[in-house]
C-alpha cells in the first residue's frame, strides 16, 4: 500500500533531504579541527595548507559548500582520489602483498563534516 503525500512534514520544517546552508564560523571550526597531515588528495591541498590559509579560504569554500547544497550537486573534481599501493607485508615483489590506499580531497572532507 503506497502512501500518498508528504511523510512527517509540517509546513514549518524543511524536508530532511535539503541540506541547510553553512556559515564562515562553522567552516572555519571544521578546518581548525582537521588533523594536520601532509598527505593530500588529487587536488594536492593538504590539511596543513588548508589550516594555514583558513582565513583566506573559508569565504570561497563556504560559498562553494552553500552552492553545492542549494543545487544538490557535488563538485566533480572533489570526487577524485589519489590511489597508491601500500605494502601489507613482505615480500614486496608480490602484488598480492599490497592494498590500495585512497587519498581523498581535504576540501571534500570539510564538506562532509558540515
Foldseek 3Di string as FASTA:
>chain_A
DDDDDDDPDDPVDDDPLQDDQDDLVLLLVLLVPDDQDCDFWPVNQGSVNCNVCVVVVSVVLSVQLRVCRVVVHDDPVQVHWDKDWDAQDDDPVDPVRTDIDTGGHPSVVSSVVD
